[in-house]
Amino acid sequence: MDDLKRKSNQQNTQQAPQRATVWQTFSRNKLAVIGLILILFWVVVAIFAPVLATHDPNDPIVAEKFMHPGEGGHILGTDNFGRDIFSRVVYGARISIWAGVISVGISFCIGVPLGGIAGYYGGAIGNVIMRVMDGLSAFPSLVLAITLAVSMGRGTVSAMVAVGIVSIPDYARLMFAQTSSIKAMPYIEAGRAVGLKTSSLILKHIFPNCLSQLLVRATLGLGMAILTVSSLSFLGLGVQPPTAEWGAMISDGRRYIVSGEWWITTFPGLAIMTSILGFNLVGDGVRDILDPRNRTGS
């Protein structure tokens, strides 16, 4: 038993960098640092939205509609209802980031166990699970998300659940591949020989060795989840008016671009772009840290 634990710990150590050098390795990737700054910026904005907002984000003032940025005390101007764009972008950060986290959480919590079961047991169970995952993957992700959102009814919760379901195959496939490889390791076979329960082998000895790759996928998935939820809101299937959400804001302002009111769509668009860019850059940085070839080079 002690030998099994020692071998498992050695395997974990080989697949994860030392804690003392993680930040040093990460900080050498300047783009990843920029991405982290962008993420922290939007997280702070979301947390302190009530403090940062200069106006009620949902309060329409018809007399102040279509004000240019900086006019009438509106930093980023107003929309077609006279609502303050800056305040709506700030409050929109709360919904967009939270929706992304919830969506990824749904995908992770469902996809990882399914992939682990399929990879460990294989056979008929594994085939059934992975064929279902293949079926979900056969549909374009946005089309499937739209279909699910429509079937569940419009709203924030429906959008988050739809995006979460669409991404389940990504985590299931990754966990399946990792589990299929790790279960053949000598220390896993030793665990079976000494009578360890399957749940203990998966949770304590297989899952920790898959976690690094899953974290990379989840970090990259957050940006895509924010984009997909915003897309559903743009189509009217996600967050419903008058709640401030970046995708819905772009939808509200798209008809006024040709008449010169560019700021209504530009600023929420920049918010989506920078948040997605931040998660993608950090995901690439985390992947570089966890790549053994990069650690050897350092």
C-alpha atoms as a PDB file:
ATOM      1  CA  MET A   1       0.000   0.000   0.000  1.00  0.00           C
ATOM      2  CA  ASP A   2       2.806   2.415   0.895  1.00  0.00           C
ATOM      3  CA  ASP A   3       4.574   1.544  -2.344  1.00  0.00           C
ATOM      4  CA  LEU A   4       1.407   2.337  -4.300  1.00  0.00           C
ATOM      5  CA  LYS A   5       1.065   5.725  -2.654  1.00  0.00           C
ATOM      6  CA  ARG A   6       4.716   6.508  -3.268  1.00  0.00           C
ATOM      7  CA  LYS A   7       4.493   5.650  -6.960  1.00  0.00           C
ATOM      8  CA  SER A   8       1.292   7.628  -7.360  1.00  0.00           C
ATOM      9  CA  ASN A   9       2.852  10.657  -5.704  1.00  0.00           C
ATOM     10  CA  GLN A  10       5.880  10.365  -7.945  1.00  0.00           C
ATOM     11  CA  GLN A  11       3.620  10.306 -10.996  1.00  0.00           C
ATOM     12  CA  ASN A  12       1.809  13.431  -9.787  1.00  0.00           C
ATOM     13  CA  THR A  13       5.116  15.182  -9.241  1.00  0.00           C
ATOM     14  CA  GLN A  14       6.279  14.362 -12.751  1.00  0.00           C
ATOM     15  CA  GLN A  15       3.137  15.826 -14.324  1.00  0.00           C
ATOM     16  CA  ALA A  16       3.002  19.071 -12.369  1.00  0.00           C
ATOM     17  CA  PRO A  17       5.657  21.761 -11.925  1.00  0.00           C
ATOM     18  CA  GLN A  18       6.984  22.611  -8.488  1.00  0.00           C
ATOM     19  CA  ARG A  19       4.844  25.235  -6.765  1.00  0.00           C
ATOM     20  CA  ALA A  20       7.844  27.488  -6.189  1.00  0.00           C
ATOM     21  CA  THR A  21       8.576  27.746  -9.902  1.00  0.00           C
ATOM     22  CA  VAL A  22       5.027  27.971 -11.274  1.00  0.00           C
ATOM     23  CA  TRP A  23       4.846  31.767 -11.230  1.00  0.00           C
ATOM     24  CA  GLN A  24       8.398  32.105 -12.537  1.00  0.00           C
ATOM     25  CA  THR A  25       7.548  29.892 -15.490  1.00  0.00           C
ATOM     26  CA  PHE A  26       4.222  31.614 -16.067  1.00  0.00           C
ATOM     27  CA  SER A  27       5.656  35.132 -15.841  1.00  0.00           C
ATOM     28  CA  ARG A  28       8.156  34.395 -18.604  1.00  0.00           C
ATOM     29  CA  ASN A  29       5.193  34.185 -20.977  1.00  0.00           C
ATOM     30  CA  LYS A  30       4.380  37.871 -21.371  1.00  0.00           C
ATOM     31  CA  LEU A  31       1.186  37.208 -23.314  1.00  0.00           C
ATOM     32  CA  ALA A  32      -0.087  34.965 -20.534  1.00  0.00           C
ATOM     33  CA  VAL A  33       0.608  37.721 -17.996  1.00  0.00           C
ATOM     34  CA  ILE A  34      -1.355  40.164 -20.155  1.00  0.00           C
ATOM     35  CA  GLY A  35      -4.195  37.647 -20.282  1.00  0.00           C
ATOM     36  CA  LEU A  36      -4.159  37.315 -16.494  1.00  0.00           C
ATOM     37  CA  ILE A  37      -4.322  41.089 -16.137  1.00  0.00           C
ATOM     38  CA  LEU A  38      -7.343  41.209 -18.462  1.00  0.00           C
ATOM     39  CA  ILE A  39      -9.114  38.480 -16.488  1.00  0.00           C
ATOM     40  CA  LEU A  40      -8.393  40.141 -13.146  1.00  0.00           C
ATOM     41  CA  PHE A  41      -9.601  43.445 -14.561  1.00  0.00           C
ATOM     42  CA  TRP A  42     -12.992  42.059 -15.539  1.00  0.00           C
ATOM     43  CA  VAL A  43     -13.320  40.064 -12.319  1.00  0.00           C
ATOM     44  CA  VAL A  44     -12.715  43.234 -10.300  1.00  0.00           C
ATOM     45  CA  VAL A  45     -15.189  45.128 -12.491  1.00  0.00           C
ATOM     46  CA  ALA A  46     -17.811  42.430 -11.945  1.00  0.00           C
ATOM     47  CA  ILE A  47     -17.298  42.352  -8.171  1.00  0.00           C
ATOM     48  CA  PHE A  48     -17.379  46.117  -7.720  1.00  0.00           C
ATOM     49  CA  ALA A  49     -20.021  46.859 -10.358  1.00  0.00           C
ATOM     50  CA  PRO A  50     -22.335  48.712  -7.914  1.00  0.00           C
ATOM     51  CA  VAL A  51     -19.431  50.960  -6.923  1.00  0.00           C
ATOM     52  CA  LEU A  52     -18.075  51.567 -10.428  1.00  0.00           C
ATOM     53  CA  ALA A  53     -21.393  52.146 -12.198  1.00  0.00           C
ATOM     54  CA  THR A  54     -22.256  55.818 -12.585  1.00  0.00           C
ATOM     55  CA  HIS A  55     -25.940  55.270 -13.399  1.00  0.00           C
ATOM     56  CA  ASP A  56     -28.661  52.689 -13.027  1.00  0.00           C
ATOM     57  CA  PRO A  57     -27.881  50.282 -15.901  1.00  0.00           C
ATOM     58  CA  ASN A  58     -31.554  49.573 -16.597  1.00  0.00           C
ATOM     59  CA  ASP A  59     -32.953  53.074 -16.123  1.00  0.00           C
ATOM     60  CA  PRO A  60     -34.130  54.544 -19.462  1.00  0.00           C
ATOM     61  CA  ILE A  61     -33.994  58.310 -19.904  1.00  0.00           C
ATOM     62  CA  VAL A  62     -35.572  59.091 -23.264  1.00  0.00           C
ATOM     63  CA  ALA A  63     -34.339  62.683 -23.236  1.00  0.00           C
ATOM     64  CA  GLU A  64     -30.721  61.448 -23.087  1.00  0.00           C
ATOM     65  CA  LYS A  65     -30.779  58.746 -25.759  1.00  0.00           C
ATOM     66  CA  PHE A  66     -27.968  58.502 -28.336  1.00  0.00           C
ATOM     67  CA  MET A  67     -25.594  60.716 -26.355  1.00  0.00           C
ATOM     68  CA  HIS A  68     -21.997  60.483 -27.565  1.00  0.00           C
ATOM     69  CA  PRO A  69     -19.245  59.169 -25.253  1.00  0.00           C
ATOM     70  CA  GLY A  70     -18.387  61.837 -22.683  1.00  0.00           C
ATOM     71  CA  GLU A  71     -21.544  63.833 -23.302  1.00  0.00           C
ATOM     72  CA  GLY A  72     -23.898  64.654 -20.419  1.00  0.00           C
ATOM     73  CA  GLY A  73     -21.770  62.821 -17.867  1.00  0.00           C
ATOM     74  CA  HIS A  74     -22.011  59.501 -19.711  1.00  0.00           C
ATOM     75  CA  ILE A  75     -18.473  58.117 -20.073  1.00  0.00           C
ATOM     76  CA  LEU A  76     -19.309  55.751 -22.941  1.00  0.00           C
ATOM     77  CA  GLY A  77     -22.466  57.465 -24.129  1.00  0.00           C
ATOM     78  CA  THR A  78     -26.049  56.191 -24.022  1.00  0.00           C
ATOM     79  CA  ASP A  79     -28.095  53.743 -26.066  1.00  0.00           C
ATOM     80  CA  ASN A  80     -31.398  54.052 -27.916  1.00  0.00           C
ATOM     81  CA  PHE A  81     -33.297  54.106 -24.604  1.00  0.00           C
ATOM     82  CA  GLY A  82     -31.029  56.638 -22.941  1.00  0.00           C
ATOM     83  CA  ARG A  83     -29.390  54.006 -20.716  1.00  0.00           C
ATOM     84  CA  ASP A  84     -25.767  54.578 -19.698  1.00  0.00           C
ATOM     85  CA  ILE A  85     -23.470  52.320 -21.746  1.00  0.00           C
ATOM     86  CA  PHE A  86     -20.636  52.363 -19.192  1.00  0.00           C
ATOM     87  CA  SER A  87     -22.890  51.172 -16.373  1.00  0.00           C
ATOM     88  CA  ARG A  88     -24.396  48.475 -18.585  1.00  0.00           C
ATOM     89  CA  VAL A  89     -20.974  47.200 -19.639  1.00  0.00           C
ATOM     90  CA  VAL A  90     -19.875  47.103 -15.989  1.00  0.00           C
ATOM     91  CA  TYR A  91     -22.965  45.179 -14.857  1.00  0.00           C
ATOM     92  CA  GLY A  92     -22.796  43.016 -17.958  1.00  0.00           C
ATOM     93  CA  ALA A  93     -19.437  41.711 -16.774  1.00  0.00           C
ATOM     94  CA  ARG A  94     -21.179  40.055 -13.846  1.00  0.00           C
ATOM     95  CA  ILE A  95     -23.559  38.055 -16.002  1.00  0.00           C
ATOM     96  CA  SER A  96     -21.104  37.194 -18.789  1.00  0.00           C
ATOM     97  CA  ILE A  97     -18.313  35.961 -16.515  1.00  0.00           C
ATOM     98  CA  TRP A  98     -20.688  34.169 -14.160  1.00  0.00           C
ATOM     99  CA  ALA A  99     -22.459  32.520 -17.091  1.00  0.00           C
ATOM    100  CA  GLY A 100     -19.110  31.341 -18.457  1.00  0.00           C
ATOM    101  CA  VAL A 101     -18.070  29.849 -15.117  1.00  0.00           C
ATOM    102  CA  ILE A 102     -21.400  28.064 -14.605  1.00  0.00           C
ATOM    103  CA  SER A 103     -21.379  26.690 -18.159  1.00  0.00           C
ATOM    104  CA  VAL A 104     -17.854  25.315 -17.808  1.00  0.00           C
ATOM    105  CA  GLY A 105     -18.749  23.916 -14.392  1.00  0.00           C
ATOM    106  CA  ILE A 106     -21.663  21.987 -15.891  1.00  0.00           C
ATOM    107  CA  SER A 107     -19.468  20.609 -18.676  1.00  0.00           C
ATOM    108  CA  PHE A 108     -16.686  19.686 -16.275  1.00  0.00           C
ATOM    109  CA  CYS A 109     -18.846  18.032 -13.620  1.00  0.00           C
ATOM    110  CA  ILE A 110     -20.707  15.884 -16.158  1.00  0.00           C
ATOM    111  CA  GLY A 111     -18.103  15.272 -18.840  1.00  0.00           C
ATOM    112  CA  VAL A 112     -15.202  14.304 -16.564  1.00  0.00           C
ATOM    113  CA  PRO A 113     -17.032  11.516 -14.669  1.00  0.00           C
ATOM    114  CA  LEU A 114     -18.490  10.138 -17.896  1.00  0.00           C
ATOM    115  CA  GLY A 115     -15.084  10.134 -19.569  1.00  0.00           C
ATOM    116  CA  GLY A 116     -13.467   8.563 -16.520  1.00  0.00           C
ATOM    117  CA  ILE A 117     -16.039   5.757 -16.358  1.00  0.00           C
ATOM    118  CA  ALA A 118     -15.762   5.107 -20.099  1.00  0.00           C
ATOM    119  CA  GLY A 119     -11.968   5.118 -20.010  1.00  0.00           C
ATOM    120  CA  TYR A 120     -11.614   2.918 -16.939  1.00  0.00           C
ATOM    121  CA  TYR A 121     -14.228   0.273 -17.678  1.00  0.00           C
ATOM    122  CA  GLY A 122     -14.131   0.345 -21.483  1.00  0.00           C
ATOM    123  CA  GLY A 123     -16.162  -2.377 -23.158  1.00  0.00           C
ATOM    124  CA  ALA A 124     -19.866  -1.859 -23.738  1.00  0.00           C
ATOM    125  CA  ILE A 125     -20.147   0.870 -21.099  1.00  0.00           C
ATOM    126  CA  GLY A 126     -17.320   2.853 -22.634  1.00  0.00           C
ATOM    127  CA  ASN A 127     -18.671   2.421 -26.146  1.00  0.00           C
ATOM    128  CA  VAL A 128     -22.158   3.597 -25.223  1.00  0.00           C
ATOM    129  CA  ILE A 129     -20.884   6.678 -23.396  1.00  0.00           C
ATOM    130  CA  MET A 130     -18.437   7.703 -26.094  1.00  0.00           C
ATOM    131  CA  ARG A 131     -20.909   7.116 -28.914  1.00  0.00           C
ATOM    132  CA  VAL A 132     -23.316   9.474 -27.171  1.00  0.00           C
ATOM    133  CA  MET A 133     -20.480  11.993 -26.943  1.00  0.00           C
ATOM    134  CA  ASP A 134     -19.780  11.491 -30.652  1.00  0.00           C
ATOM    135  CA  GLY A 135     -23.434  12.172 -31.375  1.00  0.00           C
ATOM    136  CA  LEU A 136     -23.334  15.464 -29.477  1.00  0.00           C
ATOM    137  CA  SER A 137     -20.104  16.423 -31.224  1.00  0.00           C
ATOM    138  CA  ALA A 138     -21.654  15.784 -34.641  1.00  0.00           C
ATOM    139  CA  PHE A 139     -23.737  18.954 -34.355  1.00  0.00           C
ATOM    140  CA  PRO A 140     -22.175  22.413 -34.745  1.00  0.00           C
ATOM    141  CA  SER A 141     -21.836  23.713 -31.185  1.00  0.00           C
ATOM    142  CA  LEU A 142     -23.737  26.967 -31.714  1.00  0.00           C
ATOM    143  CA  VAL A 143     -26.581  25.247 -33.591  1.00  0.00           C
ATOM    144  CA  LEU A 144     -26.937  22.675 -30.821  1.00  0.00           C
ATOM    145  CA  ALA A 145     -26.818  25.398 -28.158  1.00  0.00           C
ATOM    146  CA  ILE A 146     -29.563  27.322 -29.973  1.00  0.00           C
ATOM    147  CA  THR A 147     -31.700  24.186 -30.236  1.00  0.00           C
ATOM    148  CA  LEU A 148     -31.307  23.377 -26.547  1.00  0.00           C
ATOM    149  CA  ALA A 149     -31.933  26.968 -25.473  1.00  0.00           C
ATOM    150  CA  VAL A 150     -35.126  27.138 -27.525  1.00  0.00           C
ATOM    151  CA  SER A 151     -36.369  23.824 -26.144  1.00  0.00           C
ATOM    152  CA  MET A 152     -35.742  24.895 -22.539  1.00  0.00           C
ATOM    153  CA  GLY A 153     -37.147  28.390 -22.954  1.00  0.00           C
ATOM    154  CA  ARG A 154     -35.459  31.753 -23.166  1.00  0.00           C
ATOM    155  CA  GLY A 155     -33.474  32.983 -20.202  1.00  0.00           C
ATOM    156  CA  THR A 156     -30.075  33.129 -18.535  1.00  0.00           C
ATOM    157  CA  VAL A 157     -30.340  29.708 -16.917  1.00  0.00           C
ATOM    158  CA  SER A 158     -31.367  28.055 -20.184  1.00  0.00           C
ATOM    159  CA  ALA A 159     -28.431  29.649 -21.986  1.00  0.00           C
ATOM    160  CA  MET A 160     -25.933  28.491 -19.361  1.00  0.00           C
ATOM    161  CA  VAL A 161     -27.288  24.940 -19.313  1.00  0.00           C
ATOM    162  CA  ALA A 162     -27.335  24.785 -23.118  1.00  0.00           C
ATOM    163  CA  VAL A 163     -23.725  25.936 -23.406  1.00  0.00           C
ATOM    164  CA  GLY A 164     -22.715  23.541 -20.635  1.00  0.00           C
ATOM    165  CA  ILE A 165     -24.300  20.550 -22.373  1.00  0.00           C
ATOM    166  CA  VAL A 166     -22.713  21.427 -25.705  1.00  0.00           C
ATOM    167  CA  SER A 167     -19.206  21.307 -24.199  1.00  0.00           C
ATOM    168  CA  ILE A 168     -19.605  18.032 -22.266  1.00  0.00           C
ATOM    169  CA  PRO A 169     -18.016  15.915 -25.063  1.00  0.00           C
ATOM    170  CA  ASP A 170     -14.802  17.976 -24.924  1.00  0.00           C
ATOM    171  CA  TYR A 171     -14.164  17.061 -21.292  1.00  0.00           C
ATOM    172  CA  ALA A 172     -15.414  13.497 -21.687  1.00  0.00           C
ATOM    173  CA  ARG A 173     -13.071  12.835 -24.609  1.00  0.00           C
ATOM    174  CA  LEU A 174     -10.080  14.304 -22.788  1.00  0.00           C
ATOM    175  CA  MET A 175     -10.787  12.364 -19.593  1.00  0.00           C
ATOM    176  CA  PHE A 176     -11.393   9.184 -21.601  1.00  0.00           C
ATOM    177  CA  ALA A 177      -8.042   9.445 -23.359  1.00  0.00           C
ATOM    178  CA  GLN A 178      -6.136  10.233 -20.168  1.00  0.00           C
ATOM    179  CA  THR A 179      -7.846   7.493 -18.147  1.00  0.00           C
ATOM    180  CA  SER A 180      -7.327   4.878 -20.867  1.00  0.00           C
ATOM    181  CA  SER A 181      -3.607   5.609 -20.760  1.00  0.00           C
ATOM    182  CA  ILE A 182      -3.140   5.900 -17.003  1.00  0.00           C
ATOM    183  CA  LYS A 183      -5.137   2.806 -16.046  1.00  0.00           C
ATOM    184  CA  ALA A 184      -2.423   0.644 -17.641  1.00  0.00           C
ATOM    185  CA  MET A 185       0.277   2.102 -15.370  1.00  0.00           C
ATOM    186  CA  PRO A 186       1.975  -0.363 -12.974  1.00  0.00           C
ATOM    187  CA  TYR A 187       0.870   1.479  -9.843  1.00  0.00           C
ATOM    188  CA  ILE A 188      -2.800   1.252 -10.914  1.00  0.00           C
ATOM    189  CA  GLU A 189      -2.427  -2.475 -11.477  1.00  0.00           C
ATOM    190  CA  ALA A 190      -0.787  -2.732  -8.070  1.00  0.00           C
ATOM    191  CA  GLY A 191      -3.770  -0.955  -6.562  1.00  0.00           C
ATOM    192  CA  ARG A 192      -6.128  -3.477  -8.094  1.00  0.00           C
ATOM    193  CA  ALA A 193      -3.946  -6.295  -6.808  1.00  0.00           C
ATOM    194  CA  VAL A 194      -4.135  -5.078  -3.202  1.00  0.00           C
ATOM    195  CA  GLY A 195      -7.895  -4.694  -3.440  1.00  0.00           C
ATOM    196  CA  LEU A 196      -8.402  -0.919  -3.691  1.00  0.00           C
ATOM    197  CA  LYS A 197     -11.908   0.087  -4.670  1.00  0.00           C
ATOM    198  CA  THR A 198     -12.476   1.360  -8.186  1.00  0.00           C
ATOM    199  CA  SER A 199     -13.756   4.697  -6.858  1.00  0.00           C
ATOM    200  CA  SER A 200     -10.566   5.128  -4.839  1.00  0.00           C
ATOM    201  CA  LEU A 201      -8.348   4.347  -7.830  1.00  0.00           C
ATOM    202  CA  ILE A 202     -10.179   6.811 -10.043  1.00  0.00           C
ATOM    203  CA  LEU A 203     -10.515   9.652  -7.544  1.00  0.00           C
ATOM    204  CA  LYS A 204      -7.153   9.389  -5.778  1.00  0.00           C
ATOM    205  CA  HIS A 205      -4.792   8.035  -8.412  1.00  0.00           C
ATOM    206  CA  ILE A 206      -6.220   8.619 -11.907  1.00  0.00           C
ATOM    207  CA  PHE A 207      -8.099  11.907 -11.663  1.00  0.00           C
ATOM    208  CA  PRO A 208      -5.181  13.880 -10.084  1.00  0.00           C
ATOM    209  CA  ASN A 209      -2.974  12.846 -12.998  1.00  0.00           C
ATOM    210  CA  CYS A 210      -5.584  14.095 -15.489  1.00  0.00           C
ATOM    211  CA  LEU A 211      -6.263  17.354 -13.676  1.00  0.00           C
ATOM    212  CA  SER A 212      -3.572  19.443 -15.354  1.00  0.00           C
ATOM    213  CA  GLN A 213      -4.917  18.804 -18.854  1.00  0.00           C
ATOM    214  CA  LEU A 214      -8.479  19.319 -17.671  1.00  0.00           C
ATOM    215  CA  LEU A 215      -7.573  22.682 -16.127  1.00  0.00           C
ATOM    216  CA  VAL A 216      -6.038  23.842 -19.396  1.00  0.00           C
ATOM    217  CA  ARG A 217      -9.178  22.812 -21.261  1.00  0.00           C
ATOM    218  CA  ALA A 218     -11.412  24.532 -18.701  1.00  0.00           C
ATOM    219  CA  THR A 219      -9.444  27.779 -18.891  1.00  0.00           C
ATOM    220  CA  LEU A 220      -9.673  27.860 -22.662  1.00  0.00           C
ATOM    221  CA  GLY A 221     -13.323  26.803 -22.441  1.00  0.00           C
ATOM    222  CA  LEU A 222     -14.260  29.805 -20.306  1.00  0.00           C
ATOM    223  CA  GLY A 223     -13.611  32.194 -23.176  1.00  0.00           C
ATOM    224  CA  MET A 224     -15.639  30.092 -25.586  1.00  0.00           C
ATOM    225  CA  ALA A 225     -18.466  29.785 -23.057  1.00  0.00           C
ATOM    226  CA  ILE A 226     -18.651  33.572 -22.653  1.00  0.00           C
ATOM    227  CA  LEU A 227     -18.769  33.963 -26.437  1.00  0.00           C
ATOM    228  CA  THR A 228     -21.487  31.333 -26.868  1.00  0.00           C
ATOM    229  CA  VAL A 229     -23.667  32.723 -24.072  1.00  0.00           C
ATOM    230  CA  SER A 230     -23.271  36.199 -25.583  1.00  0.00           C
ATOM    231  CA  SER A 231     -24.248  34.772 -28.969  1.00  0.00           C
ATOM    232  CA  LEU A 232     -27.423  33.290 -27.526  1.00  0.00           C
ATOM    233  CA  SER A 233     -28.255  36.615 -25.869  1.00  0.00           C
ATOM    234  CA  PHE A 234     -27.599  38.364 -29.181  1.00  0.00           C
ATOM    235  CA  LEU A 235     -30.204  36.090 -30.765  1.00  0.00           C
ATOM    236  CA  GLY A 236     -32.668  36.790 -27.955  1.00  0.00           C
ATOM    237  CA  LEU A 237     -32.372  33.324 -26.400  1.00  0.00           C
ATOM    238  CA  GLY A 238     -30.242  34.210 -23.394  1.00  0.00           C
ATOM    239  CA  VAL A 239     -30.451  37.126 -21.000  1.00  0.00           C
ATOM    240  CA  GLN A 240     -33.737  38.958 -21.482  1.00  0.00           C
ATOM    241  CA  PRO A 241     -34.262  42.761 -21.538  1.00  0.00           C
ATOM    242  CA  PRO A 242     -33.736  45.023 -19.785  1.00  0.00           C
ATOM    243  CA  THR A 243     -30.936  43.146 -17.986  1.00  0.00           C
ATOM    244  CA  ALA A 244     -27.496  44.342 -19.066  1.00  0.00           C
ATOM    245  CA  GLU A 245     -25.491  41.672 -20.909  1.00  0.00           C
ATOM    246  CA  TRP A 246     -22.813  42.195 -23.529  1.00  0.00           C
ATOM    247  CA  GLY A 247     -24.354  40.087 -26.294  1.00  0.00           C
ATOM    248  CA  ALA A 248     -27.791  41.594 -25.760  1.00  0.00           C
ATOM    249  CA  MET A 249     -26.274  45.097 -25.835  1.00  0.00           C
ATOM    250  CA  ILE A 250     -24.718  44.409 -29.221  1.00  0.00           C
ATOM    251  CA  SER A 251     -28.057  43.124 -30.473  1.00  0.00           C
ATOM    252  CA  ASP A 252     -29.819  46.282 -29.271  1.00  0.00           C
ATOM    253  CA  GLY A 253     -27.341  48.575 -30.999  1.00  0.00           C
ATOM    254  CA  ARG A 254     -26.651  46.774 -34.268  1.00  0.00           C
ATOM    255  CA  ARG A 255     -29.452  48.544 -36.145  1.00  0.00           C
ATOM    256  CA  TYR A 256     -28.005  51.956 -35.279  1.00  0.00           C
ATOM    257  CA  ILE A 257     -24.470  51.373 -36.585  1.00  0.00           C
ATOM    258  CA  VAL A 258     -25.359  52.643 -40.065  1.00  0.00           C
ATOM    259  CA  SER A 259     -26.745  55.875 -38.607  1.00  0.00           C
ATOM    260  CA  GLY A 260     -23.509  56.618 -36.738  1.00  0.00           C
ATOM    261  CA  GLU A 261     -24.242  55.441 -33.189  1.00  0.00           C
ATOM    262  CA  TRP A 262     -21.194  53.158 -33.186  1.00  0.00           C
ATOM    263  CA  TRP A 263     -20.545  53.230 -29.431  1.00  0.00           C
ATOM    264  CA  ILE A 264     -23.646  51.199 -28.553  1.00  0.00           C
ATOM    265  CA  THR A 265     -22.110  48.040 -30.030  1.00  0.00           C
ATOM    266  CA  THR A 266     -18.396  48.884 -29.913  1.00  0.00           C
ATOM    267  CA  PHE A 267     -17.872  48.940 -26.153  1.00  0.00           C
ATOM    268  CA  PRO A 268     -19.697  45.699 -25.268  1.00  0.00           C
ATOM    269  CA  GLY A 269     -17.931  44.141 -28.254  1.00  0.00           C
ATOM    270  CA  LEU A 270     -14.572  45.206 -26.854  1.00  0.00           C
ATOM    271  CA  ALA A 271     -15.576  43.774 -23.480  1.00  0.00           C
ATOM    272  CA  ILE A 272     -16.322  40.388 -25.052  1.00  0.00           C
ATOM    273  CA  MET A 273     -13.113  40.465 -27.067  1.00  0.00           C
ATOM    274  CA  THR A 274     -10.815  41.345 -24.157  1.00  0.00           C
ATOM    275  CA  SER A 275     -12.368  38.832 -21.752  1.00  0.00           C
ATOM    276  CA  ILE A 276     -12.111  35.997 -24.284  1.00  0.00           C
ATOM    277  CA  LEU A 277      -8.578  37.052 -25.196  1.00  0.00           C
ATOM    278  CA  GLY A 278      -7.619  37.011 -21.525  1.00  0.00           C
ATOM    279  CA  PHE A 279      -8.829  33.453 -20.941  1.00  0.00           C
ATOM    280  CA  ASN A 280      -7.236  32.197 -24.166  1.00  0.00           C
ATOM    281  CA  LEU A 281      -3.862  33.737 -23.330  1.00  0.00           C
ATOM    282  CA  VAL A 282      -3.925  32.372 -19.787  1.00  0.00           C
ATOM    283  CA  GLY A 283      -4.958  28.959 -21.091  1.00  0.00           C
ATOM    284  CA  ASP A 284      -1.996  28.927 -23.457  1.00  0.00           C
ATOM    285  CA  GLY A 285       0.281  29.979 -20.603  1.00  0.00           C
ATOM    286  CA  VAL A 286      -0.983  27.235 -18.308  1.00  0.00           C
ATOM    287  CA  ARG A 287      -0.557  24.699 -21.096  1.00  0.00           C
ATOM    288  CA  ASP A 288       3.054  25.795 -21.576  1.00  0.00           C
ATOM    289  CA  ILE A 289       3.731  25.442 -17.848  1.00  0.00           C
ATOM    290  CA  LEU A 290       2.337  21.918 -17.732  1.00  0.00           C
ATOM    291  CA  ASP A 291       4.165  20.794 -20.873  1.00  0.00           C
ATOM    292  CA  PRO A 292       7.102  18.622 -19.724  1.00  0.00           C
ATOM    293  CA  ARG A 293       9.145  19.637 -22.784  1.00  0.00           C
ATOM    294  CA  ASN A 294       8.909  23.305 -21.799  1.00  0.00           C
ATOM    295  CA  ARG A 295       9.864  22.534 -18.207  1.00  0.00           C
ATOM    296  CA  THR A 296      12.872  20.582 -19.404  1.00  0.00           C
ATOM    297  CA  GLY A 297      13.915  23.512 -21.571  1.00  0.00           C
ATOM    298  CA  SER A 298      13.669  25.880 -18.628  1.00  0.00           C
END
